[in-house]
Amino acid sequence: MVIHHRFSDQWRIESRFRADTSTASAYRTFALGVSADNQSVDQFFFDQVAKVQSYYWRNDLIGKVATGSIKHEILTGLEVGRQYASLDFAAFPLLQKMLARLIGDVPAV
């Protein structure tokens, strides 16, 4: 959102506001190595969700001046903002025998 206000032909102010929100997620499985029975690979499961919110407000004062025959445009301003981020994650070993029991391939002993 942008608001412009012109004081004269030489001076104006611009005010801008910006709000952003985003969410990113990642699911990963890492191999830890061969299991003790040399029949399968031990794995590690990682689940991550990151949420980010940011808010910024910028105010600019813009003026046109001349020093003799040289024309200038002056810009001064202030920007304030806030950003908030949160990270939720879970991680646990994913054993092949546990996974097989969950999907029903191996009977529980």
Protein backbone atom coordinates (compact mmCIF):
# COMPACT_ATOMS: atom_id res chain seq x y z
CA MET A 1 0.00 0.00 0.00
CA VAL A 2 1.41 3.39 -1.00
CA ILE A 3 0.15 6.85 0.00
CA HIS A 4 1.49 9.96 -1.75
CA HIS A 5 1.04 13.54 -0.55
CA ARG A 6 2.37 16.52 -2.49
CA PHE A 7 3.05 19.69 -0.46
CA SER A 8 4.12 21.66 -3.52
CA ASP A 9 5.74 21.09 -6.91
CA GLN A 10 9.07 20.72 -5.11
CA TRP A 11 8.19 18.67 -1.96
CA ARG A 12 6.27 15.44 -1.43
CA ILE A 13 5.99 12.62 1.06
CA GLU A 14 5.49 8.92 0.29
CA SER A 15 4.38 6.37 2.87
CA ARG A 16 4.52 2.63 2.16
CA PHE A 17 3.31 -0.34 4.20
CA ARG A 18 4.14 -3.98 3.46
CA ALA A 19 3.01 -7.17 5.19
CA ASP A 20 4.31 -10.62 4.23
CA THR A 21 3.50 -14.08 5.56
CA SER A 22 4.92 -17.37 4.39
CA THR A 23 5.17 -21.00 5.45
CA ALA A 24 7.78 -23.49 4.32
CA SER A 25 7.84 -27.19 5.12
CA ALA A 26 10.37 -29.94 4.56
CA TYR A 27 10.26 -33.69 5.07
CA ARG A 28 13.54 -35.57 4.90
CA THR A 29 14.81 -39.07 5.52
CA PHE A 30 18.53 -39.61 6.09
CA ALA A 31 20.40 -42.90 5.99
CA LEU A 32 22.36 -43.49 9.21
CA GLY A 33 24.15 -46.64 8.11
CA VAL A 34 23.69 -50.36 7.69
CA SER A 35 21.83 -52.04 10.56
CA ALA A 36 23.48 -54.65 12.78
CA ASP A 37 21.93 -57.53 10.80
CA ASN A 38 23.43 -56.21 7.50
CA GLN A 39 19.98 -56.60 5.91
CA SER A 40 18.65 -53.06 5.99
CA VAL A 41 19.62 -49.40 6.37
CA ASP A 42 18.80 -47.50 9.55
CA GLN A 43 17.15 -44.18 8.73
CA PHE A 44 16.33 -40.94 10.47
CA PHE A 45 13.13 -38.98 9.69
CA PHE A 46 13.04 -35.17 9.96
CA ASP A 47 9.91 -32.98 9.64
CA GLN A 48 10.18 -29.17 9.69
CA VAL A 49 7.69 -26.29 9.35
CA ALA A 50 8.85 -22.65 9.33
CA LYS A 51 6.43 -19.73 9.56
CA VAL A 52 7.57 -16.17 8.85
CA GLN A 53 5.62 -12.91 9.21
CA SER A 54 7.05 -9.46 8.49
CA TYR A 55 5.64 -5.94 8.62
CA TYR A 56 7.41 -2.83 7.32
CA TRP A 57 6.44 0.83 7.20
CA ARG A 58 8.56 3.32 5.22
CA ASN A 59 8.21 7.10 5.02
CA ASP A 60 10.18 9.16 2.50
CA LEU A 61 10.42 12.94 2.16
CA ILE A 62 11.47 13.95 -1.35
CA GLY A 63 12.41 17.48 -2.34
CA LYS A 64 13.64 19.19 -5.47
CA VAL A 65 16.13 22.02 -4.99
CA ALA A 66 18.54 23.92 -7.17
CA THR A 67 21.96 25.34 -6.37
CA GLY A 68 22.53 27.82 -9.14
CA SER A 69 22.02 26.02 -12.45
CA ILE A 70 22.39 22.51 -10.91
CA LYS A 71 19.16 20.75 -9.94
CA HIS A 72 19.05 18.17 -7.12
CA GLU A 73 16.53 15.73 -5.73
CA ILE A 74 16.88 15.13 -1.98
CA LEU A 75 15.60 11.95 -0.36
CA THR A 76 15.41 11.30 3.37
CA GLY A 77 13.33 8.74 5.13
CA LEU A 78 12.73 6.27 7.89
CA GLU A 79 11.78 2.61 7.74
CA VAL A 80 10.61 0.55 10.71
CA GLY A 81 9.73 -3.08 10.64
CA ARG A 82 9.26 -6.27 12.53
CA GLN A 83 9.85 -9.84 11.53
CA TYR A 84 8.65 -12.88 13.43
CA ALA A 85 9.76 -16.41 12.64
CA SER A 86 8.87 -19.71 14.29
CA LEU A 87 10.26 -23.15 13.62
CA ASP A 88 8.52 -26.40 14.51
CA PHE A 89 10.29 -29.67 13.90
CA ALA A 90 10.28 -33.32 14.83
CA ALA A 91 12.96 -35.93 14.33
CA PHE A 92 13.16 -39.61 15.21
CA PRO A 93 14.90 -42.79 14.07
CA LEU A 94 12.96 -44.70 11.45
CA LEU A 95 13.77 -48.37 11.92
CA GLN A 96 12.95 -50.73 9.07
CA LYS A 97 11.31 -53.30 11.37
CA MET A 98 9.14 -50.61 12.98
CA LEU A 99 8.11 -49.32 9.57
CA ALA A 100 7.33 -52.84 8.34
CA ARG A 101 5.08 -53.45 11.37
CA LEU A 102 3.26 -50.17 10.80
CA ILE A 103 2.39 -51.09 7.22
CA GLY A 104 1.72 -54.73 8.08
CA ASP A 105 4.58 -56.53 6.31
CA VAL A 106 6.11 -58.12 9.42
CA PRO A 107 4.13 -59.69 12.26
CA ALA A 108 4.83 -58.37 15.75
CA VAL A 109 6.87 -60.80 17.86
